[in-house]
């Protein structure tokens, strides 16, 4: 990382805490099989499958923002959103990205944590947003493969401040080699000091979700130690789930601190036969020394310019006491 030119976009490969999946372990055998004449015609399809099954680790990293922030970081606004990649249709993608960019600007957000950030061979949402907002950023592929199948999606973190030391983990609990859930972290370098921040997207099923929450907690604790750290994203579990109730005993839920009884819904699933399911899936948490930060505001938002996603965005304003 030492040879990255400030402000320039770089491609890096990070070591992730991931377990090799069975597809990857069988790849040498598959190569030999697809050299047989009768199977050689399937080789292009096998190559695409192998690319999609490739573990996470490759990231795009731009460590410096295009515009310097005038803030010293003692007043901080954190924003997160699941952008809903909508593969394979990608409906209204650019207009939805513009909606979320306008919302970020209207709220003067300093740090942005995003999930389902999509890429195709002709359009990369992470690069578009970085240029549109003039921010430093890091992006990591989670699922799909841009060059192999023409689509991928992943996590990203954007910042008005410089970034350093990106970290990535692939969270376990699944035997499916084509589906991954990640945690992406980076140090935000502010005049007042460095702040670790993490973007998260967890599994839908309760068992996998519970295992991944435990892994995530250990991973972030190992990186941040007792330092304050901010975590946000799509946890895919309602706040009444045992997993989330346990997590809130370790991390501070910024929304519930200020709104103990308010409806916290961030996602509504409408059934074809009528009715809907309303759940809170998106959160901001504060890890570590909570005395250093005061939570001033916490909201769930949608852009006035049009819905950016099927999830509401989450916003937290904090002030430093240390």
C-alpha atoms as a PDB file:
ATOM      1  CA  UNK A   1       0.000   0.000   0.000  1.00  0.00           C
ATOM      2  CA  UNK A   2       2.981   2.331   0.544  1.00  0.00           C
ATOM      3  CA  UNK A   3       3.408   3.000  -3.189  1.00  0.00           C
ATOM      4  CA  UNK A   4      -0.171   4.248  -3.748  1.00  0.00           C
ATOM      5  CA  UNK A   5      -0.137   7.800  -5.062  1.00  0.00           C
ATOM      6  CA  UNK A   6      -2.413  10.024  -2.985  1.00  0.00           C
ATOM      7  CA  UNK A   7      -5.755  10.584  -4.643  1.00  0.00           C
ATOM      8  CA  UNK A   8      -5.201   7.949  -7.328  1.00  0.00           C
ATOM      9  CA  UNK A   9      -7.413   4.918  -7.771  1.00  0.00           C
ATOM     10  CA  UNK A  10      -5.570   1.659  -7.071  1.00  0.00           C
ATOM     11  CA  UNK A  11      -6.498  -2.013  -7.298  1.00  0.00           C
ATOM     12  CA  UNK A  12      -5.367  -4.055  -4.295  1.00  0.00           C
ATOM     13  CA  UNK A  13      -5.739  -7.625  -3.134  1.00  0.00           C
ATOM     14  CA  UNK A  14      -6.348  -8.072   0.596  1.00  0.00           C
ATOM     15  CA  UNK A  15      -5.967 -11.223   2.637  1.00  0.00           C
ATOM     16  CA  UNK A  16      -9.422 -12.097   3.938  1.00  0.00           C
ATOM     17  CA  UNK A  17     -10.436 -14.273   6.843  1.00  0.00           C
ATOM     18  CA  UNK A  18     -12.354 -16.682   4.630  1.00  0.00           C
ATOM     19  CA  UNK A  19     -12.522 -20.448   4.393  1.00  0.00           C
ATOM     20  CA  UNK A  20     -11.938 -22.022   0.956  1.00  0.00           C
ATOM     21  CA  UNK A  21     -15.224 -23.306  -0.463  1.00  0.00           C
ATOM     22  CA  UNK A  22     -15.626 -26.771  -1.918  1.00  0.00           C
ATOM     23  CA  UNK A  23     -15.860 -25.428  -5.492  1.00  0.00           C
ATOM     24  CA  UNK A  24     -12.484 -23.720  -5.181  1.00  0.00           C
ATOM     25  CA  UNK A  25     -10.892 -26.813  -3.640  1.00  0.00           C
ATOM     26  CA  UNK A  26     -12.078 -28.958  -6.568  1.00  0.00           C
ATOM     27  CA  UNK A  27     -10.863 -26.501  -9.201  1.00  0.00           C
ATOM     28  CA  UNK A  28      -7.618 -28.410 -10.081  1.00  0.00           C
ATOM     29  CA  UNK A  29      -9.648 -31.562 -10.747  1.00  0.00           C
ATOM     30  CA  UNK A  30     -12.119 -29.578 -12.841  1.00  0.00           C
ATOM     31  CA  UNK A  31      -9.328 -28.167 -14.992  1.00  0.00           C
ATOM     32  CA  UNK A  32      -8.160 -31.667 -15.849  1.00  0.00           C
ATOM     33  CA  UNK A  33     -11.695 -32.863 -16.611  1.00  0.00           C
ATOM     34  CA  UNK A  34     -12.451 -29.964 -18.953  1.00  0.00           C
ATOM     35  CA  UNK A  35      -9.337 -30.724 -20.981  1.00  0.00           C
ATOM     36  CA  UNK A  36     -11.031 -33.931 -22.137  1.00  0.00           C
ATOM     37  CA  UNK A  37     -12.391 -33.560 -25.722  1.00  0.00           C
ATOM     38  CA  UNK A  38     -15.944 -34.506 -24.767  1.00  0.00           C
ATOM     39  CA  UNK A  39     -16.063 -31.787 -22.099  1.00  0.00           C
ATOM     40  CA  UNK A  40     -13.934 -29.104 -23.743  1.00  0.00           C
ATOM     41  CA  UNK A  41     -16.974 -27.325 -25.185  1.00  0.00           C
ATOM     42  CA  UNK A  42     -18.099 -26.617 -21.615  1.00  0.00           C
ATOM     43  CA  UNK A  43     -14.814 -24.942 -20.723  1.00  0.00           C
ATOM     44  CA  UNK A  44     -16.064 -21.318 -21.227  1.00  0.00           C
ATOM     45  CA  UNK A  45     -19.011 -21.968 -18.908  1.00  0.00           C
ATOM     46  CA  UNK A  46     -16.715 -23.574 -16.340  1.00  0.00           C
ATOM     47  CA  UNK A  47     -14.379 -20.564 -16.491  1.00  0.00           C
ATOM     48  CA  UNK A  48     -17.274 -18.208 -15.760  1.00  0.00           C
ATOM     49  CA  UNK A  49     -18.414 -20.359 -12.842  1.00  0.00           C
ATOM     50  CA  UNK A  50     -14.879 -20.408 -11.447  1.00  0.00           C
ATOM     51  CA  UNK A  51     -14.643 -16.609 -11.685  1.00  0.00           C
ATOM     52  CA  UNK A  52     -17.944 -16.117  -9.848  1.00  0.00           C
ATOM     53  CA  UNK A  53     -16.807 -18.581  -7.155  1.00  0.00           C
ATOM     54  CA  UNK A  54     -13.518 -16.711  -6.633  1.00  0.00           C
ATOM     55  CA  UNK A  55     -13.299 -15.631  -2.969  1.00  0.00           C
ATOM     56  CA  UNK A  56     -13.489 -11.945  -2.099  1.00  0.00           C
ATOM     57  CA  UNK A  57     -10.260 -10.033  -1.738  1.00  0.00           C
ATOM     58  CA  UNK A  58      -9.833  -7.661  -4.661  1.00  0.00           C
ATOM     59  CA  UNK A  59     -10.632  -4.031  -3.816  1.00  0.00           C
ATOM     60  CA  UNK A  60     -10.564  -0.609  -5.468  1.00  0.00           C
ATOM     61  CA  UNK A  61      -9.058   2.062  -3.230  1.00  0.00           C
ATOM     62  CA  UNK A  62      -8.791   5.837  -3.610  1.00  0.00           C
ATOM     63  CA  UNK A  63      -7.249   7.120  -0.404  1.00  0.00           C
ATOM     64  CA  UNK A  64      -7.699  10.879  -0.857  1.00  0.00           C
ATOM     65  CA  UNK A  65     -10.880  12.855  -1.599  1.00  0.00           C
ATOM     66  CA  UNK A  66     -10.985  15.170  -4.601  1.00  0.00           C
ATOM     67  CA  UNK A  67     -11.972  18.039  -2.312  1.00  0.00           C
ATOM     68  CA  UNK A  68     -10.509  18.590   1.152  1.00  0.00           C
ATOM     69  CA  UNK A  69     -12.989  18.759   4.015  1.00  0.00           C
ATOM     70  CA  UNK A  70     -13.112  21.939   6.073  1.00  0.00           C
ATOM     71  CA  UNK A  71     -14.311  19.945   9.086  1.00  0.00           C
ATOM     72  CA  UNK A  72     -11.995  18.781  11.868  1.00  0.00           C
ATOM     73  CA  UNK A  73     -14.144  15.671  12.335  1.00  0.00           C
ATOM     74  CA  UNK A  74     -15.364  16.593  15.791  1.00  0.00           C
ATOM     75  CA  UNK A  75     -18.863  16.960  14.337  1.00  0.00           C
ATOM     76  CA  UNK A  76     -19.528  13.929  12.168  1.00  0.00           C
ATOM     77  CA  UNK A  77     -22.446  12.709  10.042  1.00  0.00           C
ATOM     78  CA  UNK A  78     -22.604   9.003   9.199  1.00  0.00           C
ATOM     79  CA  UNK A  79     -24.859   7.767   6.379  1.00  0.00           C
ATOM     80  CA  UNK A  80     -25.514   4.223   5.152  1.00  0.00           C
ATOM     81  CA  UNK A  81     -27.757   2.653   2.510  1.00  0.00           C
ATOM     82  CA  UNK A  82     -28.441  -0.578   0.662  1.00  0.00           C
ATOM     83  CA  UNK A  83     -28.549   0.626  -2.968  1.00  0.00           C
ATOM     84  CA  UNK A  84     -30.586  -2.349  -4.327  1.00  0.00           C
ATOM     85  CA  UNK A  85     -28.631  -3.486  -7.388  1.00  0.00           C
ATOM     86  CA  UNK A  86     -31.797  -4.902  -9.071  1.00  0.00           C
ATOM     87  CA  UNK A  87     -29.910  -7.455 -11.180  1.00  0.00           C
ATOM     88  CA  UNK A  88     -30.500  -8.226 -14.042  1.00  0.00           C
ATOM     89  CA  UNK A  89     -32.806  -5.287 -14.847  1.00  0.00           C
ATOM     90  CA  UNK A  90     -30.921  -2.448 -13.089  1.00  0.00           C
ATOM     91  CA  UNK A  91     -34.050  -0.301 -13.280  1.00  0.00           C
ATOM     92  CA  UNK A  92     -33.474   3.454 -12.908  1.00  0.00           C
ATOM     93  CA  UNK A  93     -29.941   2.783 -11.636  1.00  0.00           C
ATOM     94  CA  UNK A  94     -28.420   6.139 -12.566  1.00  0.00           C
ATOM     95  CA  UNK A  95     -31.429   8.146 -11.418  1.00  0.00           C
ATOM     96  CA  UNK A  96     -31.496   6.209  -8.122  1.00  0.00           C
ATOM     97  CA  UNK A  97     -27.771   6.888  -7.636  1.00  0.00           C
ATOM     98  CA  UNK A  98     -28.394  10.575  -8.305  1.00  0.00           C
ATOM     99  CA  UNK A  99     -31.204  10.490  -5.710  1.00  0.00           C
ATOM    100  CA  UNK A 100     -28.930   9.043  -3.055  1.00  0.00           C
ATOM    101  CA  UNK A 101     -26.130  11.479  -3.992  1.00  0.00           C
ATOM    102  CA  UNK A 102     -28.529  14.401  -3.535  1.00  0.00           C
ATOM    103  CA  UNK A 103     -29.627  13.007  -0.177  1.00  0.00           C
ATOM    104  CA  UNK A 104     -25.994  12.651   0.950  1.00  0.00           C
ATOM    105  CA  UNK A 105     -25.320  16.256  -0.067  1.00  0.00           C
ATOM    106  CA  UNK A 106     -28.508  17.577   1.542  1.00  0.00           C
ATOM    107  CA  UNK A 107     -27.560  15.931   4.839  1.00  0.00           C
ATOM    108  CA  UNK A 108     -23.882  16.992   4.511  1.00  0.00           C
ATOM    109  CA  UNK A 109     -22.796  13.426   5.283  1.00  0.00           C
ATOM    110  CA  UNK A 110     -19.090  12.900   5.977  1.00  0.00           C
ATOM    111  CA  UNK A 111     -18.824   9.094   5.890  1.00  0.00           C
ATOM    112  CA  UNK A 112     -20.954   6.870   3.644  1.00  0.00           C
ATOM    113  CA  UNK A 113     -21.386   3.096   4.128  1.00  0.00           C
ATOM    114  CA  UNK A 114     -23.012   1.333   1.161  1.00  0.00           C
ATOM    115  CA  UNK A 115     -24.196  -2.172   0.248  1.00  0.00           C
ATOM    116  CA  UNK A 116     -25.240  -3.718  -3.087  1.00  0.00           C
ATOM    117  CA  UNK A 117     -22.979  -1.358  -5.020  1.00  0.00           C
ATOM    118  CA  UNK A 118     -23.161  -2.655  -8.600  1.00  0.00           C
ATOM    119  CA  UNK A 119     -20.684  -2.866 -11.461  1.00  0.00           C
ATOM    120  CA  UNK A 120     -21.136  -3.793 -15.116  1.00  0.00           C
ATOM    121  CA  UNK A 121     -18.605  -3.551 -17.984  1.00  0.00           C
ATOM    122  CA  UNK A 122     -20.073  -0.173 -18.939  1.00  0.00           C
ATOM    123  CA  UNK A 123     -20.922   1.372 -15.558  1.00  0.00           C
ATOM    124  CA  UNK A 124     -19.361   1.209 -12.102  1.00  0.00           C
ATOM    125  CA  UNK A 125     -21.566   2.664  -9.377  1.00  0.00           C
ATOM    126  CA  UNK A 126     -18.642   3.093  -6.961  1.00  0.00           C
ATOM    127  CA  UNK A 127     -16.576   5.157  -9.407  1.00  0.00           C
ATOM    128  CA  UNK A 128     -19.606   7.222 -10.452  1.00  0.00           C
ATOM    129  CA  UNK A 129     -20.450   8.106  -6.843  1.00  0.00           C
ATOM    130  CA  UNK A 130     -16.833   8.888  -5.931  1.00  0.00           C
ATOM    131  CA  UNK A 131     -16.623  11.342  -8.815  1.00  0.00           C
ATOM    132  CA  UNK A 132     -20.100  12.755  -8.200  1.00  0.00           C
ATOM    133  CA  UNK A 133     -19.411  13.373  -4.491  1.00  0.00           C
ATOM    134  CA  UNK A 134     -15.678  14.145  -4.696  1.00  0.00           C
ATOM    135  CA  UNK A 135     -14.916  11.631  -1.956  1.00  0.00           C
ATOM    136  CA  UNK A 136     -12.219   9.104  -1.167  1.00  0.00           C
ATOM    137  CA  UNK A 137     -13.509   5.529  -1.261  1.00  0.00           C
ATOM    138  CA  UNK A 138     -12.891   1.806  -1.052  1.00  0.00           C
ATOM    139  CA  UNK A 139     -14.944  -0.865  -2.861  1.00  0.00           C
ATOM    140  CA  UNK A 140     -14.895  -4.669  -2.508  1.00  0.00           C
ATOM    141  CA  UNK A 141     -16.671  -7.208  -4.720  1.00  0.00           C
ATOM    142  CA  UNK A 142     -18.992  -9.589  -2.872  1.00  0.00           C
ATOM    143  CA  UNK A 143     -20.979 -11.526  -5.510  1.00  0.00           C
ATOM    144  CA  UNK A 144     -20.891 -11.989  -9.262  1.00  0.00           C
ATOM    145  CA  UNK A 145     -17.908 -11.088 -11.431  1.00  0.00           C
ATOM    146  CA  UNK A 146     -17.837  -8.019 -13.663  1.00  0.00           C
ATOM    147  CA  UNK A 147     -15.602  -9.350 -16.438  1.00  0.00           C
ATOM    148  CA  UNK A 148     -16.839 -12.964 -16.391  1.00  0.00           C
ATOM    149  CA  UNK A 149     -20.638 -12.508 -16.356  1.00  0.00           C
ATOM    150  CA  UNK A 150     -21.051  -8.762 -16.856  1.00  0.00           C
ATOM    151  CA  UNK A 151     -22.241  -8.001 -13.316  1.00  0.00           C
ATOM    152  CA  UNK A 152     -21.040  -7.878  -9.733  1.00  0.00           C
ATOM    153  CA  UNK A 153     -22.058  -6.175  -6.515  1.00  0.00           C
ATOM    154  CA  UNK A 154     -20.292  -5.402  -3.283  1.00  0.00           C
ATOM    155  CA  UNK A 155     -19.629  -3.074  -0.368  1.00  0.00           C
ATOM    156  CA  UNK A 156     -18.194   0.438  -0.409  1.00  0.00           C
ATOM    157  CA  UNK A 157     -17.148   3.178   2.006  1.00  0.00           C
ATOM    158  CA  UNK A 158     -16.881   6.853   0.956  1.00  0.00           C
ATOM    159  CA  UNK A 159     -15.388   9.716   2.965  1.00  0.00           C
ATOM    160  CA  UNK A 160     -14.776  13.469   2.866  1.00  0.00           C
ATOM    161  CA  UNK A 161     -11.574  12.679   4.777  1.00  0.00           C
ATOM    162  CA  UNK A 162      -8.576  10.615   3.599  1.00  0.00           C
ATOM    163  CA  UNK A 163      -8.711   6.848   4.103  1.00  0.00           C
ATOM    164  CA  UNK A 164      -6.054   4.338   5.162  1.00  0.00           C
ATOM    165  CA  UNK A 165      -5.576   0.638   5.928  1.00  0.00           C
ATOM    166  CA  UNK A 166      -8.580  -1.027   4.246  1.00  0.00           C
ATOM    167  CA  UNK A 167      -9.524  -4.432   5.661  1.00  0.00           C
ATOM    168  CA  UNK A 168     -11.930  -7.089   4.411  1.00  0.00           C
ATOM    169  CA  UNK A 169     -13.427 -10.278   5.790  1.00  0.00           C
ATOM    170  CA  UNK A 170     -15.617 -12.910   4.156  1.00  0.00           C
ATOM    171  CA  UNK A 171     -18.189 -14.100   6.674  1.00  0.00           C
ATOM    172  CA  UNK A 172     -18.934 -17.816   6.796  1.00  0.00           C
ATOM    173  CA  UNK A 173     -21.885 -20.057   7.442  1.00  0.00           C
ATOM    174  CA  UNK A 174     -22.673 -21.024   3.833  1.00  0.00           C
ATOM    175  CA  UNK A 175     -21.620 -23.926   1.609  1.00  0.00           C
ATOM    176  CA  UNK A 176     -22.731 -22.037  -1.516  1.00  0.00           C
ATOM    177  CA  UNK A 177     -19.565 -20.986  -3.397  1.00  0.00           C
ATOM    178  CA  UNK A 178     -21.472 -18.380  -5.421  1.00  0.00           C
ATOM    179  CA  UNK A 179     -22.899 -16.388  -2.503  1.00  0.00           C
ATOM    180  CA  UNK A 180     -20.785 -14.332  -0.098  1.00  0.00           C
ATOM    181  CA  UNK A 181     -21.394 -11.916   2.758  1.00  0.00           C
ATOM    182  CA  UNK A 182     -18.672  -9.461   3.742  1.00  0.00           C
ATOM    183  CA  UNK A 183     -17.459  -6.911   6.206  1.00  0.00           C
ATOM    184  CA  UNK A 184     -15.386  -4.042   4.765  1.00  0.00           C
ATOM    185  CA  UNK A 185     -13.463  -1.639   6.982  1.00  0.00           C
ATOM    186  CA  UNK A 186     -11.121   1.323   6.673  1.00  0.00           C
ATOM    187  CA  UNK A 187      -9.515   3.991   8.871  1.00  0.00           C
ATOM    188  CA  UNK A 188     -10.912   7.498   8.355  1.00  0.00           C
ATOM    189  CA  UNK A 189      -8.022   9.931   8.824  1.00  0.00           C
ATOM    190  CA  UNK A 190      -9.393  13.121  10.410  1.00  0.00           C
ATOM    191  CA  UNK A 191      -7.473  16.039  11.957  1.00  0.00           C
ATOM    192  CA  UNK A 192      -8.834  14.957  15.338  1.00  0.00           C
ATOM    193  CA  UNK A 193      -7.578  11.381  14.895  1.00  0.00           C
ATOM    194  CA  UNK A 194      -8.280   8.091  13.129  1.00  0.00           C
ATOM    195  CA  UNK A 195     -11.680   6.428  13.278  1.00  0.00           C
ATOM    196  CA  UNK A 196     -12.285   2.819  12.123  1.00  0.00           C
ATOM    197  CA  UNK A 197     -15.536   2.430  10.152  1.00  0.00           C
ATOM    198  CA  UNK A 198     -17.152  -0.689   8.710  1.00  0.00           C
ATOM    199  CA  UNK A 199     -19.777  -1.428   6.037  1.00  0.00           C
ATOM    200  CA  UNK A 200     -21.674  -4.698   6.512  1.00  0.00           C
ATOM    201  CA  UNK A 201     -24.120  -6.918   4.591  1.00  0.00           C
ATOM    202  CA  UNK A 202     -25.245 -10.128   6.305  1.00  0.00           C
ATOM    203  CA  UNK A 203     -27.176 -13.267   5.326  1.00  0.00           C
ATOM    204  CA  UNK A 204     -30.951 -13.676   5.163  1.00  0.00           C
ATOM    205  CA  UNK A 205     -31.337 -17.008   6.968  1.00  0.00           C
ATOM    206  CA  UNK A 206     -31.414 -16.887  10.765  1.00  0.00           C
ATOM    207  CA  UNK A 207     -28.731 -19.517  11.370  1.00  0.00           C
ATOM    208  CA  UNK A 208     -26.192 -18.017   8.984  1.00  0.00           C
ATOM    209  CA  UNK A 209     -27.038 -14.518  10.153  1.00  0.00           C
ATOM    210  CA  UNK A 210     -26.393 -15.417  13.797  1.00  0.00           C
ATOM    211  CA  UNK A 211     -23.036 -17.016  12.979  1.00  0.00           C
ATOM    212  CA  UNK A 212     -21.987 -14.033  10.874  1.00  0.00           C
ATOM    213  CA  UNK A 213     -22.922 -11.517  13.577  1.00  0.00           C
ATOM    214  CA  UNK A 214     -20.657 -13.378  16.023  1.00  0.00           C
ATOM    215  CA  UNK A 215     -17.821 -13.481  13.471  1.00  0.00           C
ATOM    216  CA  UNK A 216     -18.291  -9.793  12.690  1.00  0.00           C
ATOM    217  CA  UNK A 217     -18.173  -8.808  16.338  1.00  0.00           C
ATOM    218  CA  UNK A 218     -14.909 -10.732  16.906  1.00  0.00           C
ATOM    219  CA  UNK A 219     -13.354  -9.362  13.715  1.00  0.00           C
ATOM    220  CA  UNK A 220     -14.163  -5.720  14.478  1.00  0.00           C
ATOM    221  CA  UNK A 221     -13.117  -6.138  18.105  1.00  0.00           C
ATOM    222  CA  UNK A 222      -9.761  -7.506  16.960  1.00  0.00           C
ATOM    223  CA  UNK A 223      -9.180  -4.506  14.677  1.00  0.00           C
ATOM    224  CA  UNK A 224     -10.566  -1.654  16.769  1.00  0.00           C
ATOM    225  CA  UNK A 225      -9.822  -2.969  20.258  1.00  0.00           C
ATOM    226  CA  UNK A 226     -11.260  -0.519  22.774  1.00  0.00           C
ATOM    227  CA  UNK A 227     -11.157   2.390  20.307  1.00  0.00           C
ATOM    228  CA  UNK A 228     -14.473   3.851  19.140  1.00  0.00           C
ATOM    229  CA  UNK A 229     -15.574   2.437  15.775  1.00  0.00           C
ATOM    230  CA  UNK A 230     -18.679   2.974  13.652  1.00  0.00           C
ATOM    231  CA  UNK A 231     -20.474   0.058  12.013  1.00  0.00           C
ATOM    232  CA  UNK A 232     -23.393   0.327   9.621  1.00  0.00           C
ATOM    233  CA  UNK A 233     -25.240  -1.574   6.957  1.00  0.00           C
ATOM    234  CA  UNK A 234     -27.873  -4.152   6.126  1.00  0.00           C
ATOM    235  CA  UNK A 235     -27.875  -6.770   8.896  1.00  0.00           C
ATOM    236  CA  UNK A 236     -30.893  -8.624   7.401  1.00  0.00           C
ATOM    237  CA  UNK A 237     -32.340  -9.288  10.866  1.00  0.00           C
ATOM    238  CA  UNK A 238     -35.188  -7.501  12.637  1.00  0.00           C
ATOM    239  CA  UNK A 239     -34.339  -5.847  15.931  1.00  0.00           C
ATOM    240  CA  UNK A 240     -36.471  -8.343  17.893  1.00  0.00           C
ATOM    241  CA  UNK A 241     -34.314 -11.262  16.665  1.00  0.00           C
ATOM    242  CA  UNK A 242     -32.213 -12.812  19.424  1.00  0.00           C
ATOM    243  CA  UNK A 243     -29.086 -12.117  17.364  1.00  0.00           C
ATOM    244  CA  UNK A 244     -29.703  -8.376  17.249  1.00  0.00           C
ATOM    245  CA  UNK A 245     -30.761  -8.167  20.878  1.00  0.00           C
ATOM    246  CA  UNK A 246     -27.493  -9.874  21.841  1.00  0.00           C
ATOM    247  CA  UNK A 247     -25.490  -7.560  19.598  1.00  0.00           C
ATOM    248  CA  UNK A 248     -27.052  -4.467  21.155  1.00  0.00           C
ATOM    249  CA  UNK A 249     -25.738  -5.599  24.524  1.00  0.00           C
ATOM    250  CA  UNK A 250     -22.198  -5.057  23.152  1.00  0.00           C
ATOM    251  CA  UNK A 251     -22.635  -2.228  20.637  1.00  0.00           C
ATOM    252  CA  UNK A 252     -24.632   0.978  20.996  1.00  0.00           C
ATOM    253  CA  UNK A 253     -27.646   1.174  18.662  1.00  0.00           C
ATOM    254  CA  UNK A 254     -27.649   4.879  17.754  1.00  0.00           C
ATOM    255  CA  UNK A 255     -31.268   5.014  16.562  1.00  0.00           C
ATOM    256  CA  UNK A 256     -32.729   3.267  19.604  1.00  0.00           C
ATOM    257  CA  UNK A 257     -30.676   5.421  21.961  1.00  0.00           C
ATOM    258  CA  UNK A 258     -32.619   8.491  20.809  1.00  0.00           C
ATOM    259  CA  UNK A 259     -35.873   6.795  19.756  1.00  0.00           C
ATOM    260  CA  UNK A 260     -36.628   3.963  22.197  1.00  0.00           C
ATOM    261  CA  UNK A 261     -40.267   3.592  21.093  1.00  0.00           C
ATOM    262  CA  UNK A 262     -40.390   4.937  17.510  1.00  0.00           C
ATOM    263  CA  UNK A 263     -41.218   2.666  14.575  1.00  0.00           C
ATOM    264  CA  UNK A 264     -37.799   1.702  13.213  1.00  0.00           C
ATOM    265  CA  UNK A 265     -38.855   0.072   9.924  1.00  0.00           C
ATOM    266  CA  UNK A 266     -36.251   0.400   7.145  1.00  0.00           C
ATOM    267  CA  UNK A 267     -37.598  -2.235   4.719  1.00  0.00           C
ATOM    268  CA  UNK A 268     -41.136  -3.170   3.669  1.00  0.00           C
ATOM    269  CA  UNK A 269     -41.839  -6.273   1.604  1.00  0.00           C
ATOM    270  CA  UNK A 270     -45.228  -6.166  -0.132  1.00  0.00           C
ATOM    271  CA  UNK A 271     -46.864  -9.531  -0.835  1.00  0.00           C
ATOM    272  CA  UNK A 272     -48.486 -10.157  -4.271  1.00  0.00           C
ATOM    273  CA  UNK A 273     -51.725 -11.200  -2.539  1.00  0.00           C
ATOM    274  CA  UNK A 274     -51.867  -8.048  -0.423  1.00  0.00           C
ATOM    275  CA  UNK A 275     -50.407  -6.957   2.854  1.00  0.00           C
ATOM    276  CA  UNK A 276     -46.752  -6.500   3.698  1.00  0.00           C
ATOM    277  CA  UNK A 277     -43.951  -7.346   6.100  1.00  0.00           C
ATOM    278  CA  UNK A 278     -42.256  -4.405   7.795  1.00  0.00           C
ATOM    279  CA  UNK A 279     -38.874  -4.886   9.424  1.00  0.00           C
ATOM    280  CA  UNK A 280     -35.886  -2.964  10.649  1.00  0.00           C
ATOM    281  CA  UNK A 281     -32.880  -4.395   8.789  1.00  0.00           C
ATOM    282  CA  UNK A 282     -30.491  -1.414   8.605  1.00  0.00           C
ATOM    283  CA  UNK A 283     -28.510  -0.129  11.595  1.00  0.00           C
ATOM    284  CA  UNK A 284     -25.742   2.109  12.876  1.00  0.00           C
ATOM    285  CA  UNK A 285     -23.728   0.886  15.849  1.00  0.00           C
ATOM    286  CA  UNK A 286     -20.987   2.442  17.971  1.00  0.00           C
ATOM    287  CA  UNK A 287     -18.305   0.050  19.226  1.00  0.00           C
ATOM    288  CA  UNK A 288     -15.721   0.644  21.935  1.00  0.00           C
ATOM    289  CA  UNK A 289     -15.325   3.657  24.177  1.00  0.00           C
ATOM    290  CA  UNK A 290     -18.793   5.196  23.938  1.00  0.00           C
ATOM    291  CA  UNK A 291     -17.869   8.119  26.198  1.00  0.00           C
ATOM    292  CA  UNK A 292     -15.908   9.734  23.347  1.00  0.00           C
ATOM    293  CA  UNK A 293     -18.940  10.313  21.108  1.00  0.00           C
ATOM    294  CA  UNK A 294     -22.332  11.866  21.786  1.00  0.00           C
ATOM    295  CA  UNK A 295     -25.227  10.850  19.513  1.00  0.00           C
ATOM    296  CA  UNK A 296     -27.052  14.021  18.522  1.00  0.00           C
ATOM    297  CA  UNK A 297     -29.444  12.814  15.819  1.00  0.00           C
ATOM    298  CA  UNK A 298     -30.577   9.524  14.268  1.00  0.00           C
ATOM    299  CA  UNK A 299     -32.992   9.161  11.334  1.00  0.00           C
ATOM    300  CA  UNK A 300     -34.245   6.805   8.631  1.00  0.00           C
ATOM    301  CA  UNK A 301     -34.533   8.604   5.279  1.00  0.00           C
ATOM    302  CA  UNK A 302     -35.610   8.458   1.649  1.00  0.00           C
ATOM    303  CA  UNK A 303     -34.566  11.016  -0.934  1.00  0.00           C
ATOM    304  CA  UNK A 304     -37.049  13.722  -1.911  1.00  0.00           C
ATOM    305  CA  UNK A 305     -35.771  13.255  -5.482  1.00  0.00           C
ATOM    306  CA  UNK A 306     -37.237   9.715  -5.615  1.00  0.00           C
ATOM    307  CA  UNK A 307     -36.719   6.389  -3.885  1.00  0.00           C
ATOM    308  CA  UNK A 308     -33.105   5.278  -4.150  1.00  0.00           C
ATOM    309  CA  UNK A 309     -33.785   1.702  -2.981  1.00  0.00           C
ATOM    310  CA  UNK A 310     -36.210  -0.708  -1.350  1.00  0.00           C
ATOM    311  CA  UNK A 311     -34.401   0.137   1.922  1.00  0.00           C
ATOM    312  CA  UNK A 312     -34.442   3.426   3.790  1.00  0.00           C
ATOM    313  CA  UNK A 313     -31.103   5.106   4.385  1.00  0.00           C
ATOM    314  CA  UNK A 314     -29.810   5.456   7.968  1.00  0.00           C
ATOM    315  CA  UNK A 315     -28.257   8.671   9.281  1.00  0.00           C
ATOM    316  CA  UNK A 316     -26.492   9.428  12.568  1.00  0.00           C
ATOM    317  CA  UNK A 317     -24.945  12.729  13.669  1.00  0.00           C
ATOM    318  CA  UNK A 318     -22.283  12.561  16.359  1.00  0.00           C
ATOM    319  CA  UNK A 319     -20.048  14.991  18.231  1.00  0.00           C
ATOM    320  CA  UNK A 320     -16.682  14.113  19.732  1.00  0.00           C
ATOM    321  CA  UNK A 321     -16.041  14.571  23.452  1.00  0.00           C
ATOM    322  CA  UNK A 322     -12.430  13.341  23.424  1.00  0.00           C
END
